[in-house]
Every structure is written in C-alpha cells, then in structure tokens.
Amino acid sequence: MNTATPSPVQVEVEAEHADERALLERVLASRHFVKSGLLSRFLRYICERSLTGGGNALTEHHIGVHVFGRPEGYDCSADNIVRNYARQLRNRLEDYYRWEGQSELLRLEVPRGGYKPIFLPLTLDSISSMPSSARAAEDHAALFTGPSIAIKPGSRSQTWAVVVLSAVIIALLGVVLALLRSRVRPVAVVSSPMHAFWASIFRADRDTIIVTADSGFGTLQDVLGRRLSLADYTSLQLGNLSLAFPEKYVTNDLASQRYTSMTDLETAVALSHLPQVVPSRLTIRFARDLRMEDLKDDNVILLGSAYTNPWAELFEKNLAFELVEDAGAHSWKVVNRYPRPGEATFYQGERDGASHKTYARIAWVPNLDHTGHILMLQGLDMAGTQAAAQTLLHSTALMDVWRQSNGCNTADASFEVLLGTTSISSNAGTIHVLATRHSC
C-alpha cells in the first residue's frame, strides 16, 4: 500500500516555521481565543496563509469570503465585518501578551492597515533582525538619549555639558508632564453618579460591542405578515431566506440590506463619547454582523426590541418585564410577569396617532457565559428606545437599582427598569419610571 509522504521542500518549510506554528497553537489554546471559534478561525487562516507564502493575498475581500462566508461579489465598503473582527482580534492578542503570554520569546501581531500577521523575535540576540517597525521604536528612543559624547573629566566643557544636559532633561520633563496633565480626565467624571456602572461596561481588559437594531428586519416581518425568529434572522446573513412573496425585490432588499434608525445611531454615538470608554476596545456593529460567541465573552449593548434586534430573544425568558407582540391589536405590550402591589399586569402600547403611549425596558443581565454583561435598551417603538437611552445617559433614576444590583458582588447580578412615555412624532416626551427589579 502506498502512503503519501511529505516532500523535502514541504518538510523544510514546516521545520522553518515550527516556532511560529507552536506559538499560534498556544495563542489559540489560551482563554482569550479558546471560546471564540470565529476569531480562532480568523487568526489561524491568516497565519497559515502567511507562513506558506500567501500573505500578500490577505485582502479584506479575500478574508470576508474565505473566513466569514461572504459571497464573492460582496461589497466591503458596505459590509465592514472583517474590519470589526480584525480590531477585536488585535485586542485579544494584546490581552494574551499582557497575561498568559508574558514569557513568550516571539510576539504575534497583525499590524493596523492590513491583515498579514508578523512574528517579532523578542530575544536580545535577535533585536538586529527585528522588522523596521520595531527598529523605528529604538530610533525614536535614541532621539531622547542622543549620541554618547566623550568629555575629559574636570574640564570646563564637562561643566557646561552637564548644565546643558540638565536643562534639556528638565525641559523634556516639563513637556511630558504638560501632556499628561492635558490627558487627565476631570475629577467630576470619576465622582459622577453612574461612573461605576459605565466603568463596568467599558473596560480595558474586555471588548464592548454596541449593536444597532435592524429596522429592515422589522419591516420585512410587517411585509410578510408573520414573526421571524432568531434562527430565521441568522439565515439572512447571505440573504438566502426562502421568501414566497409576490414582491420578491422588496423582500430580498429588506433581507439583504442594512437599515437602522437615527435613534440607534444617535444612541451609539452618545455612548461612544462617554468618558469611561476605552476606544481600542469599543466596536459599533450592525445586528446582522453579530455572532453568538460575541454574546458569550464580551460586554454587549443591544439597541432595539427582539422585533428589530432578534438577539434579545436569547435573554427574554429570564426577564421580569417581557416585550410581547399583541397580534390582535397589531401592536406590542409589556407583560409584567411578577406584578407587585400597585403595578399593572401588562402595559399596552399604542400604535396609531401622532401622539400615543409607549413603553421601554432597560435590562442589565449576565452574558451567555457569565463572564460579562449585556445591556439592553429596548422600546416598543423608536420613541421607547429613545426614552431608554435618554434615561440611561441623562438621568440618575437608575442609581438605586444599580447600587442594589452591584451590591450583590456576583457575576450573576442583574437589574431591569420599566419606563413609560408618550411618543410625539416618534420622539419621547416626559419619561416615567414605572417599576424596577434587581437580582443576584
């Protein structure tokens, strides 16, 4: 029986990159990647391509097709899934070297502006072989140290050299201190009522994803006259849901394009400008580009109800205030599963009229793996979602329920807030807190 054996050239290539491949396996086995199948596949693919000489083909479009399953003709400018996950990939690599990979002798990086990975030797004997980016850092440091100057001890030139050098050092220290002072956040930020809450969501050691709702998905359900589930929604990734409907162009457009509301965009921008945000760890993503693994290991902010952001469906069953479609009234309502004295059993939203009652829910619950949290800002309509965002961003109404939940000191802590408001031309009017819940 004939057994295929590797060619001498193949064996030589594999031996040449043995250290790089061993490092890749350690990184993929680390806690920063082991639970993230998509990021692991992304990193393995670009490393294998690069080590086998195909690094120059690693374009955004190529990765979108071969890693994320996009069709050959997809438009990178309209679908930024590769850029979003590349940013997350770089953050995870930094986390690995900050913790588990501190003793590594090789550093794996994916430089910004491209997707071709590089392996940097970190031993003293190999500093001369570092790529230009690493040598540039040494050259930058040399600007501060300057060339060595031999000065005869006891000479007048030595005295003046010491004076000049001291003056230069003092000037540089002054510049550094001024820069640091300009970057320090005001004390008022740290002492703001909701600082601890936002600091728990935007962290330097964890990615935070803001997910805008898919308005087109809601319209698609209206056109079809039936409710679609999360399972249906995930099949829309490539627009391949079977739609038996006369106006196929309309349904296919709603299933494949990316539509969101101005309310969600304004909320996402406002959240991204909070002083507690760590810019390198924040991503704004369209609902259709989210993956299940994102909800397992990251902090995620979901905007919109399950009707336009079906990922909320994963958490509905554990919440006290449930957003339910009232098919008979062609509207939505909030069901109070465990009403307390003075609370209604349900809160019926209205749909008709320029001015009508609507409701919203703010929920802070553990993510799927209980390693972080999901923050949900959901309204029965756009005015409701706007009311939830405004309450969270511009009010201290949540302080008590947040303190109670945070006092649990457990990863399973959660809270909910039910809000009522009036929708006036799709804008929220006066907002009222109707009920709150917290649990450990």
Protein backbone atom coordinates (compact mmCIF):
# COMPACT_ATOMS: atom_id res chain seq x y z
CA MET A 1 0.00 0.00 0.00
CA ASN A 2 1.38 3.38 -0.98
CA THR A 3 1.48 6.08 1.70
CA ALA A 4 1.90 9.70 0.69
CA THR A 5 4.92 11.30 2.32
CA PRO A 6 5.69 15.00 2.59
CA SER A 7 8.12 16.34 0.02
CA PRO A 8 11.56 17.53 1.23
CA VAL A 9 10.55 21.11 0.42
CA GLN A 10 7.35 20.81 2.48
CA VAL A 11 9.23 19.33 5.44
CA GLU A 12 11.80 22.12 5.23
CA VAL A 13 9.09 24.83 5.21
CA GLU A 14 7.29 23.29 8.19
CA ALA A 15 10.55 22.97 10.15
CA GLU A 16 11.46 26.56 9.32
CA HIS A 17 8.26 27.86 10.90
CA ALA A 18 7.98 25.39 13.77
CA ASP A 19 8.34 28.10 16.42
CA GLU A 20 5.71 30.30 14.78
CA ARG A 21 3.26 27.41 14.48
CA ALA A 22 3.85 26.38 18.10
CA LEU A 23 3.18 29.97 19.21
CA LEU A 24 -0.02 30.07 17.14
CA GLU A 25 -1.28 26.90 18.87
CA ARG A 26 -0.53 28.35 22.32
CA VAL A 27 -2.37 31.55 21.47
CA LEU A 28 -5.39 29.65 20.13
CA ALA A 29 -5.47 27.46 23.26
CA SER A 30 -5.42 30.49 25.58
CA ARG A 31 -8.54 31.69 27.38
CA HIS A 32 -8.66 34.71 25.09
CA PHE A 33 -9.33 32.56 22.00
CA VAL A 34 -10.40 29.08 23.07
CA LYS A 35 -14.09 30.04 23.38
CA SER A 36 -14.14 32.18 20.26
CA GLY A 37 -14.37 29.89 17.25
CA LEU A 38 -14.71 32.70 14.73
CA LEU A 39 -11.69 34.70 15.95
CA SER A 40 -9.65 31.48 16.20
CA ARG A 41 -10.53 30.56 12.61
CA PHE A 42 -9.67 34.11 11.51
CA LEU A 43 -6.24 34.04 13.20
CA ARG A 44 -5.37 30.52 12.08
CA TYR A 45 -6.32 31.27 8.48
CA ILE A 46 -4.23 34.42 8.11
CA CYS A 47 -1.24 32.84 9.90
CA GLU A 48 -1.30 29.68 7.78
CA ARG A 49 -1.62 31.71 4.59
CA SER A 50 1.24 33.96 5.62
CA LEU A 51 3.57 31.13 6.69
CA THR A 52 3.01 29.32 3.40
CA GLY A 53 3.76 32.38 1.29
CA GLY A 54 0.22 33.60 0.64
CA GLY A 55 0.28 36.62 2.91
CA ASN A 56 0.01 39.13 0.09
CA ALA A 57 -3.42 37.73 -0.87
CA LEU A 58 -4.87 38.55 2.57
CA THR A 59 -7.12 41.40 1.50
CA GLU A 60 -10.32 42.42 3.26
CA HIS A 61 -12.41 40.92 0.47
CA HIS A 62 -10.46 37.65 0.45
CA ILE A 63 -10.90 37.20 4.21
CA GLY A 64 -14.58 38.13 4.03
CA VAL A 65 -15.15 35.33 1.53
CA HIS A 66 -12.91 32.60 3.00
CA VAL A 67 -13.33 33.24 6.73
CA PHE A 68 -16.71 34.92 7.15
CA GLY A 69 -18.57 33.16 4.34
CA ARG A 70 -19.43 36.26 2.33
CA PRO A 71 -20.31 35.76 -1.37
CA GLU A 72 -17.65 36.51 -3.98
CA GLY A 73 -19.40 39.69 -5.08
CA TYR A 74 -19.98 41.27 -1.66
CA ASP A 75 -19.17 44.96 -1.15
CA CYS A 76 -16.51 45.59 1.54
CA SER A 77 -17.41 49.26 1.80
CA ALA A 78 -20.97 48.40 2.79
CA ASP A 79 -20.12 45.37 4.94
CA ASN A 80 -17.30 46.03 7.42
CA ILE A 81 -17.39 42.70 9.25
CA VAL A 82 -13.70 41.97 8.54
CA ARG A 83 -12.55 45.33 9.92
CA ASN A 84 -14.70 44.90 13.02
CA TYR A 85 -13.37 41.46 13.83
CA ALA A 86 -9.79 42.42 12.96
CA ARG A 87 -9.96 45.10 15.62
CA GLN A 88 -11.26 42.56 18.12
CA LEU A 89 -8.51 40.12 17.06
CA ARG A 90 -5.78 42.68 17.74
CA ASN A 91 -7.24 43.38 21.19
CA ARG A 92 -7.28 39.68 22.06
CA LEU A 93 -3.64 39.33 21.01
CA GLU A 94 -2.71 42.23 23.28
CA ASP A 95 -4.60 40.55 26.13
CA TYR A 96 -2.69 37.31 25.55
CA TYR A 97 0.70 39.02 25.86
CA ARG A 98 -0.48 41.03 28.84
CA TRP A 99 -1.34 37.86 30.78
CA GLU A 100 -0.63 34.30 29.62
CA GLY A 101 1.99 35.18 27.03
CA GLN A 102 4.29 37.31 29.18
CA SER A 103 7.17 34.83 28.86
CA GLU A 104 6.89 34.31 25.10
CA LEU A 105 10.04 34.82 23.02
CA LEU A 106 8.00 35.54 19.88
CA ARG A 107 5.33 38.18 19.51
CA LEU A 108 2.47 37.66 17.06
CA GLU A 109 0.91 40.85 15.70
CA VAL A 110 -1.48 41.89 12.95
CA PRO A 111 -0.36 45.46 12.08
CA ARG A 112 -3.10 48.01 11.50
CA GLY A 113 -3.81 48.85 7.90
CA GLY A 114 -3.56 45.23 6.73
CA TYR A 115 -4.27 41.62 7.65
CA LYS A 116 -0.89 39.94 7.15
CA PRO A 117 0.44 38.75 10.54
CA ILE A 118 4.06 39.18 11.60
CA PHE A 119 6.16 37.33 14.17
CA LEU A 120 8.57 39.53 16.13
CA PRO A 121 11.57 37.95 17.91
CA LEU A 122 11.94 39.31 21.43
CA THR A 123 15.34 37.84 22.41
CA LEU A 124 18.34 40.17 22.75
CA ASP A 125 20.32 38.21 20.13
CA SER A 126 17.66 38.84 17.52
CA ILE A 127 16.98 42.55 18.03
CA SER A 128 19.02 43.32 14.90
CA SER A 129 16.65 41.12 12.89
CA MET A 130 13.52 42.96 14.04
CA PRO A 131 11.34 44.47 11.31
CA SER A 132 11.52 48.15 10.56
CA SER A 133 8.56 48.91 12.86
CA ALA A 134 10.46 47.58 15.87
CA ARG A 135 13.72 49.26 14.88
CA ALA A 136 11.80 52.53 14.47
CA ALA A 137 10.89 52.35 18.14
CA GLU A 138 14.59 52.09 19.03
CA ASP A 139 15.40 55.01 16.74
CA HIS A 140 12.67 57.03 18.46
CA ALA A 141 14.21 56.24 21.84
CA ALA A 142 17.60 57.33 20.53
CA LEU A 143 16.20 60.81 19.96
CA PHE A 144 15.90 61.19 23.73
CA THR A 145 19.21 59.60 24.69
CA GLY A 146 21.26 61.21 21.93
CA PRO A 147 24.79 60.17 20.86
CA SER A 148 27.40 59.46 23.52
CA ILE A 149 29.98 62.23 23.95
CA ALA A 150 33.39 61.64 25.50
CA ILE A 151 34.26 64.52 27.85
CA LYS A 152 37.54 64.87 29.68
CA PRO A 153 36.92 64.81 33.46
CA GLY A 154 37.40 68.11 35.24
CA SER A 155 37.27 70.24 32.09
CA ARG A 156 35.19 73.38 31.67
CA SER A 157 33.39 71.76 28.71
CA GLN A 158 32.22 68.99 31.03
CA THR A 159 30.63 71.56 33.39
CA TRP A 160 28.78 73.30 30.57
CA ALA A 161 27.73 69.93 29.08
CA VAL A 162 26.22 68.89 32.40
CA VAL A 163 24.36 72.23 32.66
CA VAL A 164 23.02 71.99 29.09
CA LEU A 165 22.05 68.33 29.51
CA SER A 166 20.25 69.10 32.77
CA ALA A 167 18.34 71.94 31.13
CA VAL A 168 17.29 69.68 28.25
CA ILE A 169 16.09 66.95 30.65
CA ILE A 170 14.11 69.46 32.72
CA ALA A 171 12.51 70.88 29.57
CA LEU A 172 11.57 67.41 28.35
CA LEU A 173 10.08 66.51 31.73
CA GLY A 174 8.04 69.70 31.62
CA VAL A 175 6.66 68.81 28.20
CA VAL A 176 5.81 65.24 29.32
CA LEU A 177 4.07 66.50 32.47
CA ALA A 178 2.09 69.04 30.45
CA LEU A 179 0.96 66.32 28.03
CA LEU A 180 -0.04 64.01 30.87
CA ARG A 181 -1.92 66.82 32.59
CA SER A 182 -3.86 67.51 29.39
CA ARG A 183 -4.92 63.85 29.15
CA VAL A 184 -6.09 63.50 32.75
CA ARG A 185 -9.87 63.30 33.00
CA PRO A 186 -11.64 65.76 35.30
CA VAL A 187 -12.33 64.57 38.82
CA ALA A 188 -16.04 65.19 38.21
CA VAL A 189 -16.10 62.23 35.80
CA VAL A 190 -14.88 59.78 38.43
CA SER A 191 -17.38 61.08 41.00
CA SER A 192 -20.36 61.13 38.60
CA PRO A 193 -23.32 59.05 39.86
CA MET A 194 -23.15 56.39 37.13
CA HIS A 195 -19.35 56.25 36.78
CA ALA A 196 -19.06 52.81 38.39
CA PHE A 197 -21.80 51.46 36.11
CA TRP A 198 -20.18 52.68 32.89
CA ALA A 199 -16.74 51.60 34.09
CA SER A 200 -18.08 48.06 34.49
CA ILE A 201 -19.23 48.06 30.84
CA PHE A 202 -16.30 49.84 29.17
CA ARG A 203 -13.17 48.06 30.38
CA ALA A 204 -9.56 47.90 29.26
CA ASP A 205 -9.47 44.10 29.56
CA ARG A 206 -12.65 43.29 27.65
CA ASP A 207 -14.25 44.21 24.32
CA THR A 208 -17.53 46.13 24.35
CA ILE A 209 -19.84 45.94 21.33
CA ILE A 210 -22.69 48.38 20.66
CA VAL A 211 -25.24 46.66 18.40
CA THR A 212 -27.67 48.79 16.40
CA ALA A 213 -31.05 47.28 15.51
CA ASP A 214 -32.04 46.08 12.05
CA SER A 215 -35.02 48.24 11.05
CA GLY A 216 -35.26 46.42 7.73
CA PHE A 217 -35.85 43.15 9.57
CA GLY A 218 -38.83 44.66 11.37
CA THR A 219 -40.24 45.99 8.10
CA LEU A 220 -39.67 42.62 6.44
CA GLN A 221 -41.82 40.94 9.11
CA ASP A 222 -44.54 43.56 8.54
CA VAL A 223 -44.45 42.88 4.79
CA LEU A 224 -44.56 39.10 5.26
CA GLY A 225 -47.26 39.36 7.91
CA ARG A 226 -45.51 36.91 10.24
CA ARG A 227 -42.95 36.90 13.03
CA LEU A 228 -39.44 35.67 12.24
CA SER A 229 -37.21 34.12 14.89
CA LEU A 230 -33.51 34.47 15.65
CA ALA A 231 -32.93 31.27 13.70
CA ASP A 232 -34.64 32.86 10.68
CA TYR A 233 -32.57 36.00 11.16
CA THR A 234 -29.21 34.22 11.15
CA SER A 235 -30.16 32.64 7.82
CA LEU A 236 -30.48 36.18 6.42
CA GLN A 237 -26.70 36.66 6.69
CA LEU A 238 -26.37 35.91 2.98
CA GLY A 239 -29.92 36.93 2.10
CA ASN A 240 -30.82 33.27 1.48
CA LEU A 241 -34.13 33.02 3.36
CA SER A 242 -36.75 31.45 1.12
CA LEU A 243 -39.37 34.16 0.66
CA ALA A 244 -42.52 33.15 -1.19
CA PHE A 245 -43.93 36.64 -1.79
CA PRO A 246 -45.10 38.40 -4.96
CA GLU A 247 -42.86 41.45 -4.45
CA LYS A 248 -39.61 39.49 -4.32
CA TYR A 249 -37.49 42.56 -4.97
CA VAL A 250 -38.79 44.31 -1.84
CA THR A 251 -38.40 41.28 0.42
CA ASN A 252 -34.94 40.41 -0.90
CA ASP A 253 -33.84 44.02 -0.45
CA LEU A 254 -35.04 44.07 3.17
CA ALA A 255 -33.39 40.71 3.82
CA SER A 256 -30.00 41.67 2.40
CA GLN A 257 -29.53 45.42 3.01
CA ARG A 258 -28.60 47.19 6.25
CA TYR A 259 -31.16 49.64 7.59
CA THR A 260 -31.14 51.11 11.08
CA SER A 261 -32.81 54.06 12.79
CA MET A 262 -31.50 57.52 13.60
CA THR A 263 -32.42 56.81 17.24
CA ASP A 264 -29.98 53.91 17.32
CA LEU A 265 -27.26 55.85 15.53
CA GLU A 266 -27.59 58.82 17.90
CA THR A 267 -27.53 56.48 20.91
CA ALA A 268 -24.47 54.64 19.63
CA VAL A 269 -22.62 57.93 19.07
CA ALA A 270 -23.58 59.23 22.53
CA LEU A 271 -22.41 56.01 24.19
CA SER A 272 -19.12 56.05 22.27
CA HIS A 273 -18.38 59.55 23.64
CA LEU A 274 -18.74 58.62 27.30
CA PRO A 275 -15.50 59.40 29.19
CA GLN A 276 -15.28 55.84 30.52
CA VAL A 277 -15.00 54.38 27.01
CA VAL A 278 -11.74 52.64 26.09
CA PRO A 279 -11.62 53.44 22.34
CA SER A 280 -9.43 50.49 21.38
CA ARG A 281 -11.90 48.06 23.00
CA LEU A 282 -15.14 49.52 21.57
CA THR A 283 -16.88 48.37 18.39
CA ILE A 284 -20.19 49.52 16.87
CA ARG A 285 -21.75 46.68 14.91
CA PHE A 286 -24.91 46.15 12.90
CA ALA A 287 -27.18 43.42 14.34
CA ARG A 288 -26.67 41.16 11.34
CA ASP A 289 -22.90 41.14 11.87
CA LEU A 290 -23.12 39.92 15.47
CA ARG A 291 -22.25 36.30 16.31
CA MET A 292 -23.31 34.07 19.17
CA GLU A 293 -19.76 33.97 20.54
CA ASP A 294 -19.80 37.77 20.94
CA LEU A 295 -22.58 37.34 23.48
CA LYS A 296 -20.56 34.77 25.41
CA ASP A 297 -17.30 36.55 26.16
CA ASP A 298 -17.82 40.30 25.61
CA ASN A 299 -19.84 43.13 27.09
CA VAL A 300 -22.61 43.94 24.61
CA ILE A 301 -25.13 46.81 24.38
CA LEU A 302 -28.22 45.73 22.41
CA LEU A 303 -30.39 48.51 20.97
CA GLY A 304 -33.98 47.78 19.94
CA SER A 305 -36.51 45.08 20.78
CA ALA A 306 -36.44 41.45 19.65
CA TYR A 307 -38.57 42.54 16.66
CA THR A 308 -35.68 44.56 15.17
CA ASN A 309 -32.77 43.10 17.14
CA PRO A 310 -33.60 39.40 17.50
CA TRP A 311 -30.51 38.67 19.61
CA ALA A 312 -32.59 39.99 22.52
CA GLU A 313 -34.64 36.80 22.17
CA LEU A 314 -31.84 34.91 23.96
CA PHE A 315 -32.49 36.82 27.20
CA GLU A 316 -36.26 37.41 27.18
CA LYS A 317 -37.19 34.27 29.12
CA ASN A 318 -35.23 35.37 32.20
CA LEU A 319 -36.65 38.91 32.41
CA ALA A 320 -39.48 40.18 34.63
CA PHE A 321 -40.75 42.65 32.01
CA GLU A 322 -41.37 40.85 28.73
CA LEU A 323 -41.90 42.66 25.43
CA VAL A 324 -44.71 40.75 23.67
CA GLU A 325 -46.36 41.22 20.29
CA ASP A 326 -50.12 41.73 20.51
CA ALA A 327 -51.09 40.25 17.16
CA GLY A 328 -54.79 41.05 17.61
CA ALA A 329 -54.16 44.76 18.21
CA HIS A 330 -51.28 44.90 15.71
CA SER A 331 -49.11 46.41 18.43
CA TRP A 332 -46.77 45.49 21.28
CA LYS A 333 -47.17 45.40 25.04
CA VAL A 334 -45.04 44.81 28.13
CA VAL A 335 -46.10 41.87 30.29
CA ASN A 336 -45.26 42.20 33.98
CA ARG A 337 -44.60 38.59 34.93
CA TYR A 338 -44.44 39.16 38.68
CA PRO A 339 -46.51 42.27 39.45
CA ARG A 340 -46.05 43.95 42.80
CA PRO A 341 -48.77 45.87 44.68
CA GLY A 342 -49.78 48.92 42.67
CA GLU A 343 -48.28 47.60 39.39
CA ALA A 344 -50.28 46.58 36.31
CA THR A 345 -50.05 43.06 34.91
CA PHE A 346 -49.38 44.45 31.45
CA TYR A 347 -48.75 47.79 29.76
CA GLN A 348 -50.39 48.12 26.35
CA GLY A 349 -48.55 50.18 23.77
CA GLU A 350 -50.42 52.23 21.21
CA ARG A 351 -49.60 52.43 17.54
CA ASP A 352 -51.94 54.93 15.93
CA GLY A 353 -51.86 58.71 16.15
CA ALA A 354 -49.09 61.30 16.13
CA SER A 355 -49.15 61.18 19.94
CA HIS A 356 -49.58 57.88 21.78
CA LYS A 357 -48.42 55.95 24.84
CA THR A 358 -45.38 53.71 24.58
CA TYR A 359 -43.06 51.82 26.91
CA ALA A 360 -39.45 50.78 27.21
CA ARG A 361 -37.23 48.47 29.19
CA ILE A 362 -33.64 48.81 30.34
CA ALA A 363 -32.09 45.49 31.35
CA TRP A 364 -28.59 44.69 32.60
CA VAL A 365 -28.07 40.91 32.63
CA PRO A 366 -25.13 38.45 32.55
CA ASN A 367 -23.82 37.45 29.13
CA LEU A 368 -24.21 33.85 27.98
CA ASP A 369 -21.03 32.62 29.69
CA HIS A 370 -21.47 34.83 32.79
CA THR A 371 -18.09 36.48 32.12
CA GLY A 372 -19.53 39.94 31.40
CA HIS A 373 -22.88 41.67 30.92
CA ILE A 374 -25.47 42.53 28.30
CA LEU A 375 -27.09 45.97 28.47
CA MET A 376 -30.44 46.09 26.65
CA LEU A 377 -32.14 49.38 25.66
CA GLN A 378 -35.46 48.36 24.16
CA GLY A 379 -38.65 50.18 23.34
CA LEU A 380 -41.98 49.14 21.83
CA ASP A 381 -41.08 51.65 19.11
CA MET A 382 -38.33 54.18 18.32
CA ALA A 383 -39.66 56.67 20.87
CA GLY A 384 -39.50 53.97 23.53
CA THR A 385 -35.89 53.11 22.69
CA GLN A 386 -35.07 56.81 22.73
CA ALA A 387 -36.63 57.09 26.21
CA ALA A 388 -34.47 54.20 27.45
CA ALA A 389 -31.30 55.81 26.07
CA GLN A 390 -32.13 59.26 27.46
CA THR A 391 -32.86 57.83 30.91
CA LEU A 392 -29.59 55.93 30.96
CA LEU A 393 -27.46 58.77 29.62
CA HIS A 394 -29.02 61.85 31.21
CA SER A 395 -30.73 60.77 34.41
CA THR A 396 -29.82 59.43 37.87
CA ALA A 397 -33.08 57.46 38.06
CA LEU A 398 -31.16 54.18 37.80
CA MET A 399 -28.80 54.84 40.69
CA ASP A 400 -30.74 52.96 43.37
CA VAL A 401 -31.40 49.83 41.34
CA TRP A 402 -27.77 49.81 40.10
CA ARG A 403 -26.42 50.13 43.65
CA GLN A 404 -28.65 47.29 44.83
CA SER A 405 -27.56 45.04 41.98
CA ASN A 406 -23.90 45.98 42.24
CA GLY A 407 -24.03 45.30 45.98
CA CYS A 408 -24.57 41.62 45.19
CA ASN A 409 -20.89 41.40 44.20
CA THR A 410 -21.56 38.48 41.87
CA ALA A 411 -21.29 37.88 38.13
CA ASP A 412 -24.99 36.95 38.04
CA ALA A 413 -26.19 40.36 39.26
CA SER A 414 -28.85 41.98 37.09
CA PHE A 415 -31.46 44.71 37.06
CA GLU A 416 -34.45 45.88 34.99
CA VAL A 417 -36.23 49.22 34.71
CA LEU A 418 -39.64 49.68 33.09
CA LEU A 419 -40.31 53.12 31.59
CA GLY A 420 -43.41 54.83 30.24
CA THR A 421 -43.52 57.83 27.92
CA THR A 422 -45.53 59.49 25.19
CA SER A 423 -44.42 59.20 21.58
CA ILE A 424 -44.80 62.56 19.88
CA SER A 425 -43.95 62.21 16.18
CA SER A 426 -41.67 59.27 17.09
CA ASN A 427 -39.85 61.29 19.79
CA ALA A 428 -40.03 60.55 23.51
CA GLY A 429 -41.91 63.00 25.73
CA THR A 430 -41.81 63.07 29.54
CA ILE A 431 -40.37 59.79 30.85
CA HIS A 432 -41.63 57.99 33.97
CA VAL A 433 -40.06 55.06 35.85
CA LEU A 434 -42.94 52.60 36.35
CA ALA A 435 -41.19 49.67 38.02
CA THR A 436 -37.73 48.28 38.82
CA ARG A 437 -36.27 44.85 39.60
CA HIS A 438 -32.87 43.64 40.71
CA SER A 439 -31.50 40.20 41.49
CA CYS A 440 -28.29 38.46 42.48
